[in-house]
């Protein structure tokens, strides 16, 4: 009786195996599985994977279908008409200097994956293999590339104008943030030269934004109407005073200022709408006859470039000014 049950179970398992194989291989095998098509009006991408089984010694990959589709789409992406500029684009300039770390193909591929144009594919599988097939018309691909470039550049131009306006108003922190936002928006198309007119002719938009970011804090000056402070040890210096920060004659607003003094000093943490940092000296607690009140720009909150650009263009903080005001003790 037991032997009969074992035979029935074995027979059932054999039938299940046949049914499973039929299920995986059902339908006619597509022609693109047997031979890669070579159309003159489309870009083709085909990838295949060996499907994992319970008997595999390597760890099971639950994302094998997604990985295969990505491989097939990657093959399409490498055929698209990107028209990469090798000399004057921002990508080319930074790459020559070793300052661009991202893979351009990866940048473009991320845009492709988000596009509805590349969301349709065919697939076919057997019990042991999985196949994925992409076919994109060349005209559609060309339109996708041109739309990507034009929309990217339009956004970049708009954000760049906003950044320049903020800088002209003296909001340098906000302008720096906007320049970074502009570079992020231009990233999918920095391989193309996009001409923008300036005083000397035409320059690349991406290069112009990058240079503007590099120079955002240059030309800053820090001054004070008071040149020196007479003081008495252990006492307050009467009155309020101010340090004024400007860039090309424009007040620099909301810029962090750090005072340095051995005594007790109260100062506004940022410049006001007139570019002034108001401060008072509450106590001269050092007995040194000649002392210094120093002021410097707070660089802690300065923003780095996006990681793809390799490094922070503002790493050299020597471009920032500082101010030193003497304090001289006297015996009343």
Protein backbone atom coordinates (compact mmCIF):
# COMPACT_ATOMS: atom_id res chain seq x y z
CA UNK A 1 0.00 0.00 0.00
CA UNK A 2 2.84 2.33 0.88
CA UNK A 3 4.60 1.50 -2.41
CA UNK A 4 1.43 2.37 -4.32
CA UNK A 5 1.21 5.80 -2.62
CA UNK A 6 4.85 6.51 -3.44
CA UNK A 7 4.22 5.73 -7.12
CA UNK A 8 1.17 8.03 -7.16
CA UNK A 9 3.17 10.87 -5.62
CA UNK A 10 6.01 10.37 -8.10
CA UNK A 11 3.54 10.34 -10.98
CA UNK A 12 1.91 13.54 -9.74
CA UNK A 13 5.27 15.28 -9.44
CA UNK A 14 6.21 14.23 -12.99
CA UNK A 15 2.93 15.64 -14.34
CA UNK A 16 3.49 18.86 -12.41
CA UNK A 17 6.96 19.15 -13.90
CA UNK A 18 5.59 18.79 -17.42
CA UNK A 19 2.85 21.34 -16.71
CA UNK A 20 5.37 23.82 -15.30
CA UNK A 21 7.67 23.47 -18.32
CA UNK A 22 4.72 23.98 -20.64
CA UNK A 23 3.62 27.05 -18.70
CA UNK A 24 7.04 28.72 -18.99
CA UNK A 25 7.46 27.90 -22.67
CA UNK A 26 3.89 28.46 -23.72
CA UNK A 27 3.40 30.52 -26.86
CA UNK A 28 5.58 30.67 -29.93
CA UNK A 29 9.17 31.69 -29.39
CA UNK A 30 9.64 35.28 -30.67
CA UNK A 31 11.93 35.67 -33.66
CA UNK A 32 14.16 38.13 -31.74
CA UNK A 33 15.11 35.33 -29.32
CA UNK A 34 16.56 33.28 -32.16
CA UNK A 35 18.26 36.16 -33.98
CA UNK A 36 18.77 39.83 -33.18
CA UNK A 37 16.86 42.00 -35.67
CA UNK A 38 18.79 44.63 -37.64
CA UNK A 39 16.20 47.27 -38.62
CA UNK A 40 17.35 50.49 -40.25
CA UNK A 41 14.87 52.67 -38.39
CA UNK A 42 15.12 51.44 -34.79
CA UNK A 43 17.53 50.88 -31.94
CA UNK A 44 17.46 47.34 -30.56
CA UNK A 45 18.46 46.12 -27.12
CA UNK A 46 18.24 42.46 -26.07
CA UNK A 47 19.45 40.86 -22.88
CA UNK A 48 19.00 37.44 -21.35
CA UNK A 49 19.57 35.79 -17.99
CA UNK A 50 19.75 32.29 -16.65
CA UNK A 51 16.94 31.92 -14.18
CA UNK A 52 17.86 30.84 -10.65
CA UNK A 53 16.72 27.46 -9.40
CA UNK A 54 16.46 26.00 -5.90
CA UNK A 55 19.51 23.82 -6.70
CA UNK A 56 21.81 26.80 -7.37
CA UNK A 57 24.77 27.16 -5.06
CA UNK A 58 24.92 30.94 -5.53
CA UNK A 59 22.47 33.21 -3.65
CA UNK A 60 19.11 33.65 -5.30
CA UNK A 61 18.70 36.97 -7.13
CA UNK A 62 15.05 38.03 -6.89
CA UNK A 63 15.72 41.02 -9.19
CA UNK A 64 17.03 39.07 -12.17
CA UNK A 65 14.21 40.34 -14.41
CA UNK A 66 14.82 43.97 -13.48
CA UNK A 67 18.57 43.55 -14.01
CA UNK A 68 18.00 41.97 -17.42
CA UNK A 69 15.68 44.77 -18.51
CA UNK A 70 18.25 47.30 -17.38
CA UNK A 71 20.93 45.55 -19.45
CA UNK A 72 18.72 45.56 -22.53
CA UNK A 73 17.85 49.23 -22.09
CA UNK A 74 21.51 50.10 -21.52
CA UNK A 75 22.28 48.68 -24.96
CA UNK A 76 19.68 51.00 -26.46
CA UNK A 77 21.01 54.00 -24.54
CA UNK A 78 24.51 53.49 -25.95
CA UNK A 79 23.12 53.83 -29.47
CA UNK A 80 21.21 57.09 -29.01
CA UNK A 81 22.39 60.20 -30.92
CA UNK A 82 23.79 62.22 -28.03
CA UNK A 83 26.11 64.44 -30.15
CA UNK A 84 28.60 64.86 -27.33
CA UNK A 85 30.83 67.94 -27.49
CA UNK A 86 34.40 66.89 -26.68
CA UNK A 87 35.94 70.37 -26.18
CA UNK A 88 33.75 73.27 -25.14
CA UNK A 89 31.00 71.70 -23.02
CA UNK A 90 31.18 71.86 -19.24
CA UNK A 91 31.54 68.09 -19.04
CA UNK A 92 34.53 68.16 -21.42
CA UNK A 93 36.24 71.03 -19.59
CA UNK A 94 35.83 69.48 -16.14
CA UNK A 95 36.81 66.01 -17.34
CA UNK A 96 40.08 67.33 -18.76
CA UNK A 97 40.84 68.83 -15.34
CA UNK A 98 39.94 65.62 -13.54
CA UNK A 99 37.10 67.41 -11.74
CA UNK A 100 34.14 65.42 -13.01
CA UNK A 101 33.59 62.04 -11.39
CA UNK A 102 30.19 60.86 -12.62
CA UNK A 103 29.83 58.54 -15.59
CA UNK A 104 28.09 60.45 -18.35
CA UNK A 105 26.33 57.29 -19.52
CA UNK A 106 24.92 56.79 -16.03
CA UNK A 107 23.62 60.36 -15.96
CA UNK A 108 21.90 59.97 -19.32
CA UNK A 109 20.65 56.50 -18.45
CA UNK A 110 18.86 57.82 -15.37
CA UNK A 111 16.97 60.23 -17.65
CA UNK A 112 16.10 57.40 -20.03
CA UNK A 113 14.69 55.27 -17.24
CA UNK A 114 12.32 58.08 -16.26
CA UNK A 115 11.00 58.58 -19.78
CA UNK A 116 7.69 56.94 -20.82
CA UNK A 117 9.24 56.32 -24.25
CA UNK A 118 11.41 53.57 -22.80
CA UNK A 119 8.80 51.97 -20.57
CA UNK A 120 7.55 49.45 -23.17
CA UNK A 121 9.40 46.21 -23.75
CA UNK A 122 8.77 42.58 -24.66
CA UNK A 123 9.78 39.56 -22.62
CA UNK A 124 9.83 35.81 -23.04
CA UNK A 125 10.92 33.06 -20.72
CA UNK A 126 11.34 29.34 -20.36
CA UNK A 127 11.90 27.33 -17.23
CA UNK A 128 15.60 28.18 -17.32
CA UNK A 129 15.95 31.49 -19.22
CA UNK A 130 14.51 34.99 -19.22
CA UNK A 131 14.69 37.33 -22.23
CA UNK A 132 13.97 41.06 -22.55
CA UNK A 133 13.65 43.02 -25.80
CA UNK A 134 13.55 46.78 -26.47
CA UNK A 135 12.91 48.35 -29.86
CA UNK A 136 12.89 52.16 -30.06
CA UNK A 137 12.25 54.02 -33.30
CA UNK A 138 15.17 56.24 -34.27
CA UNK A 139 12.90 59.21 -34.90
CA UNK A 140 11.37 58.86 -31.42
CA UNK A 141 14.82 58.54 -29.88
CA UNK A 142 16.06 61.63 -31.71
CA UNK A 143 13.04 63.59 -30.51
CA UNK A 144 13.64 62.39 -26.94
CA UNK A 145 17.25 63.59 -27.02
CA UNK A 146 16.35 66.98 -28.45
CA UNK A 147 13.47 67.45 -25.98
CA UNK A 148 15.74 66.50 -23.08
CA UNK A 149 18.41 68.98 -24.14
CA UNK A 150 16.03 71.84 -24.91
CA UNK A 151 13.98 71.46 -21.71
CA UNK A 152 17.14 71.10 -19.63
CA UNK A 153 18.66 74.23 -21.10
CA UNK A 154 15.45 76.23 -20.72
CA UNK A 155 15.28 75.31 -17.03
CA UNK A 156 18.98 76.11 -16.63
CA UNK A 157 18.61 79.53 -18.20
CA UNK A 158 15.68 80.39 -15.95
CA UNK A 159 17.44 79.28 -12.76
CA UNK A 160 20.65 81.03 -13.76
CA UNK A 161 18.77 84.31 -14.22
CA UNK A 162 17.27 83.88 -10.73
CA UNK A 163 20.71 83.22 -9.26
CA UNK A 164 22.22 86.31 -10.90
CA UNK A 165 19.34 88.43 -9.62
CA UNK A 166 19.89 87.18 -6.05
CA UNK A 167 23.59 87.94 -6.29
CA UNK A 168 22.95 91.44 -7.63
CA UNK A 169 20.71 92.05 -4.62
CA UNK A 170 23.45 90.92 -2.26
CA UNK A 171 21.89 87.61 -1.16
CA UNK A 172 25.03 85.56 -1.72
CA UNK A 173 24.04 82.49 0.29
CA UNK A 174 20.77 82.24 -1.62
CA UNK A 175 22.54 82.92 -4.92
CA UNK A 176 25.06 80.14 -4.24
CA UNK A 177 22.19 77.74 -3.52
CA UNK A 178 20.50 78.76 -6.75
CA UNK A 179 23.73 78.28 -8.76
CA UNK A 180 23.99 74.76 -7.35
CA UNK A 181 20.35 74.13 -8.22
CA UNK A 182 21.12 75.36 -11.75
CA UNK A 183 24.08 73.00 -12.11
CA UNK A 184 21.90 70.11 -10.93
CA UNK A 185 19.25 71.00 -13.50
CA UNK A 186 21.84 71.24 -16.30
CA UNK A 187 23.48 67.95 -15.43
CA UNK A 188 21.66 65.79 -18.03
CA UNK A 189 22.89 68.07 -20.84
CA UNK A 190 26.32 69.32 -19.77
CA UNK A 191 27.83 67.16 -22.53
CA UNK A 192 26.41 69.61 -25.10
CA UNK A 193 27.68 73.10 -25.85
CA UNK A 194 24.82 75.54 -25.34
CA UNK A 195 25.84 79.02 -26.56
CA UNK A 196 24.89 82.05 -24.50
CA UNK A 197 25.86 85.55 -25.60
CA UNK A 198 28.08 87.67 -23.35
CA UNK A 199 30.36 90.69 -23.76
CA UNK A 200 33.07 88.72 -25.58
CA UNK A 201 30.91 86.53 -27.82
CA UNK A 202 29.37 83.20 -26.89
CA UNK A 203 30.10 80.93 -23.97
CA UNK A 204 28.65 77.64 -22.82
CA UNK A 205 25.75 78.02 -20.37
CA UNK A 206 26.98 75.26 -18.04
CA UNK A 207 30.52 76.70 -17.96
CA UNK A 208 29.13 80.15 -17.23
CA UNK A 209 27.05 78.88 -14.31
CA UNK A 210 30.01 76.94 -12.93
CA UNK A 211 32.27 79.99 -13.12
CA UNK A 212 29.62 82.16 -11.48
CA UNK A 213 29.44 79.73 -8.58
CA UNK A 214 33.23 79.73 -8.24
CA UNK A 215 33.28 83.53 -8.08
CA UNK A 216 30.19 84.00 -5.92
CA UNK A 217 32.14 85.25 -2.88
CA UNK A 218 34.94 87.07 -4.65
CA UNK A 219 35.20 90.84 -4.40
CA UNK A 220 33.73 91.02 -0.89
CA UNK A 221 35.01 93.83 1.32
CA UNK A 222 34.56 94.33 5.06
CA UNK A 223 34.88 97.80 6.57
CA UNK A 224 34.05 99.78 9.71
CA UNK A 225 33.75 103.50 10.41
CA UNK A 226 35.63 102.98 13.68
CA UNK A 227 39.38 102.52 13.23
CA UNK A 228 40.35 101.92 16.87
CA UNK A 229 38.81 101.60 20.36
CA UNK A 230 40.18 103.21 23.52
CA UNK A 231 39.21 100.98 26.45
CA UNK A 232 39.48 100.54 30.20
CA UNK A 233 40.19 97.10 31.67
CA UNK A 234 37.10 95.44 33.12
CA UNK A 235 34.67 97.94 31.66
CA UNK A 236 32.23 98.20 28.77
CA UNK A 237 33.04 100.34 25.74
CA UNK A 238 29.99 102.61 25.40
CA UNK A 239 27.93 102.62 22.21
CA UNK A 240 27.07 100.31 19.30
CA UNK A 241 29.23 99.89 16.26
CA UNK A 242 28.96 98.13 12.91
CA UNK A 243 30.97 96.22 10.35
CA UNK A 244 29.72 96.67 6.78
CA UNK A 245 30.08 93.94 4.15
CA UNK A 246 29.73 94.81 0.45
CA UNK A 247 30.43 93.21 -2.92
CA UNK A 248 31.13 95.62 -5.75
CA UNK A 249 29.36 98.35 -3.79
CA UNK A 250 26.23 96.26 -3.10
CA UNK A 251 25.40 95.44 0.56
CA UNK A 252 25.81 91.72 1.25
CA UNK A 253 22.71 90.58 3.12
CA UNK A 254 22.20 87.65 5.52
CA UNK A 255 25.89 86.71 5.49
CA UNK A 256 27.20 84.99 8.62
CA UNK A 257 29.77 86.97 10.61
CA UNK A 258 31.96 85.58 13.41
CA UNK A 259 33.52 88.04 15.91
CA UNK A 260 36.73 87.17 17.75
CA UNK A 261 37.71 89.00 20.94
CA UNK A 262 39.27 88.02 24.28
CA UNK A 263 36.66 90.04 26.10
CA UNK A 264 32.87 89.90 25.94
CA UNK A 265 31.32 91.02 22.66
CA UNK A 266 27.74 90.92 21.42
CA UNK A 267 27.26 90.86 17.65
CA UNK A 268 24.53 90.11 15.15
CA UNK A 269 25.10 86.62 13.67
CA UNK A 270 24.34 87.82 10.14
CA UNK A 271 24.44 91.06 8.20
CA UNK A 272 21.22 93.03 7.92
CA UNK A 273 19.56 94.50 4.82
CA UNK A 274 22.21 97.22 4.71
CA UNK A 275 25.03 94.70 4.89
CA UNK A 276 25.83 95.69 8.48
CA UNK A 277 26.77 93.54 11.42
CA UNK A 278 26.02 95.57 14.56
CA UNK A 279 28.10 94.81 17.65
CA UNK A 280 28.87 96.10 21.13
CA UNK A 281 31.85 95.48 23.42
CA UNK A 282 30.39 94.53 26.78
CA UNK A 283 33.58 93.96 28.74
CA UNK A 284 37.31 94.36 28.16
CA UNK A 285 38.47 91.43 30.27
CA UNK A 286 42.11 91.28 29.19
CA UNK A 287 44.87 93.39 30.70
CA UNK A 288 46.86 93.41 27.48
CA UNK A 289 47.59 96.97 26.41
CA UNK A 290 47.08 96.25 22.72
CA UNK A 291 44.19 93.97 21.77
CA UNK A 292 42.37 93.07 18.55
CA UNK A 293 38.71 92.62 17.70
CA UNK A 294 38.52 90.39 14.64
CA UNK A 295 35.66 89.71 12.28
CA UNK A 296 35.50 86.93 9.68
CA UNK A 297 32.88 85.36 7.44
CA UNK A 298 31.20 82.20 8.69
CA UNK A 299 32.09 79.48 6.17
CA UNK A 300 30.38 76.61 8.02
CA UNK A 301 27.20 76.86 6.01
CA UNK A 302 28.76 77.35 2.60
CA UNK A 303 27.37 74.81 0.16
CA UNK A 304 29.39 72.26 -1.76
CA UNK A 305 28.87 71.41 -5.39
CA UNK A 306 26.86 68.31 -6.30
CA UNK A 307 28.99 65.17 -5.90
CA UNK A 308 29.15 64.57 -9.65
CA UNK A 309 31.28 67.68 -10.06
CA UNK A 310 34.12 66.09 -8.17
CA UNK A 311 35.08 68.68 -5.59
CA UNK A 312 34.03 71.86 -3.86
CA UNK A 313 35.03 74.83 -5.99
CA UNK A 314 35.08 76.98 -2.84
CA UNK A 315 37.64 74.87 -1.00
CA UNK A 316 40.03 77.84 -0.94
CA UNK A 317 38.55 80.03 1.77
CA UNK A 318 41.36 82.57 1.39
CA UNK A 319 39.04 84.48 -0.93
CA UNK A 320 37.05 85.64 2.10
CA UNK A 321 37.99 88.94 3.73
CA UNK A 322 38.49 89.60 7.41
CA UNK A 323 38.75 92.74 9.50
CA UNK A 324 40.84 93.57 12.57
CA UNK A 325 40.11 96.57 14.79
CA UNK A 326 42.65 97.58 17.50
CA UNK A 327 41.66 98.04 21.13
CA UNK A 328 44.10 100.07 23.27
CA UNK A 329 43.92 100.16 27.04
CA UNK A 330 44.53 103.38 28.92
CA UNK A 331 44.52 104.35 32.60
CA UNK A 332 41.64 106.74 33.30
